[in-house]
Protein backbone atom coordinates (compact mmCIF):
# COMPACT_ATOMS: atom_id res chain seq x y z
CA UNK A 1 -251.50 86.24 -39.61
CA UNK A 2 -249.88 83.55 -37.48
CA UNK A 3 -248.56 80.28 -38.81
CA UNK A 4 -251.22 78.20 -37.07
CA UNK A 5 -254.00 80.28 -38.65
CA UNK A 6 -252.38 79.89 -42.05
CA UNK A 7 -252.41 76.12 -41.58
CA UNK A 8 -256.04 75.97 -40.40
CA UNK A 9 -257.56 78.07 -43.20
CA UNK A 10 -257.05 75.54 -46.04
CA UNK A 11 -258.39 72.71 -43.86
CA UNK A 12 -261.54 74.68 -43.00
CA UNK A 13 -262.13 75.63 -46.64
CA UNK A 14 -261.76 72.12 -47.98
CA UNK A 15 -261.34 69.15 -45.64
CA UNK A 16 -259.85 66.53 -47.93
CA UNK A 17 -257.07 64.01 -47.63
CA UNK A 18 -254.98 66.01 -50.07
CA UNK A 19 -255.30 69.15 -47.94
CA UNK A 20 -254.36 67.26 -44.79
CA UNK A 21 -251.35 65.60 -46.44
CA UNK A 22 -250.18 68.90 -47.93
CA UNK A 23 -250.34 70.59 -44.53
CA UNK A 24 -248.65 67.62 -42.87
CA UNK A 25 -245.76 67.81 -45.33
CA UNK A 26 -245.40 71.55 -44.76
CA UNK A 27 -245.51 71.04 -40.97
CA UNK A 28 -242.93 68.23 -41.10
CA UNK A 29 -240.62 70.33 -43.25
CA UNK A 30 -240.86 73.21 -40.79
CA UNK A 31 -240.23 70.91 -37.85
CA UNK A 32 -237.16 69.37 -39.47
CA UNK A 33 -235.83 72.79 -40.43
CA UNK A 34 -236.31 73.96 -36.83
CA UNK A 35 -234.49 70.93 -35.45
CA UNK A 36 -231.59 71.40 -37.85
CA UNK A 37 -231.34 75.06 -36.80
CA UNK A 38 -230.97 73.96 -33.18
CA UNK A 39 -228.01 71.77 -34.08
CA UNK A 40 -226.80 68.58 -32.55
CA UNK A 41 -226.38 68.00 -28.86
CA UNK A 42 -222.93 66.99 -27.70
CA UNK A 43 -222.51 63.55 -26.23
CA UNK A 44 -222.06 63.12 -22.48
CA UNK A 45 -218.60 61.54 -22.72
CA UNK A 46 -217.09 64.48 -24.58
CA UNK A 47 -218.72 66.93 -22.16
CA UNK A 48 -217.39 65.01 -19.14
CA UNK A 49 -213.90 64.92 -20.68
CA UNK A 50 -213.90 68.70 -21.24
CA UNK A 51 -215.11 69.33 -17.69
CA UNK A 52 -212.36 67.07 -16.30
CA UNK A 53 -209.71 68.94 -18.31
CA UNK A 54 -211.00 72.29 -17.00
CA UNK A 55 -210.97 70.98 -13.44
CA UNK A 56 -207.38 69.75 -13.79
CA UNK A 57 -206.30 73.09 -15.24
CA UNK A 58 -207.95 74.93 -12.34
CA UNK A 59 -206.23 72.65 -9.83
CA UNK A 60 -202.86 73.25 -11.49
CA UNK A 61 -203.38 77.03 -11.34
CA UNK A 62 -204.33 76.78 -7.66
CA UNK A 63 -201.24 74.65 -6.92
CA UNK A 64 -198.97 77.11 -8.75
CA UNK A 65 -200.50 80.01 -6.81
CA UNK A 66 -200.04 78.27 -3.47
CA UNK A 67 -196.42 77.34 -4.28
CA UNK A 68 -195.71 80.95 -5.25
CA UNK A 69 -196.90 82.19 -1.85
CA UNK A 70 -194.55 79.91 0.11
């Protein structure tokens, strides 16, 4: 039985405010748990800084290689 079916069955059996609130709380808990499992997204400044450091390291390797060939 899928999760959506499990959430619909209690509402169909008894459509009350309590049933709707209970399902809403369960849904919100599942949504928050799913978001926490995904983790946080890194900020753009840190990502740009890491990319710049990688680019500088690549340029230094290329320069060292070219100097070695001369």
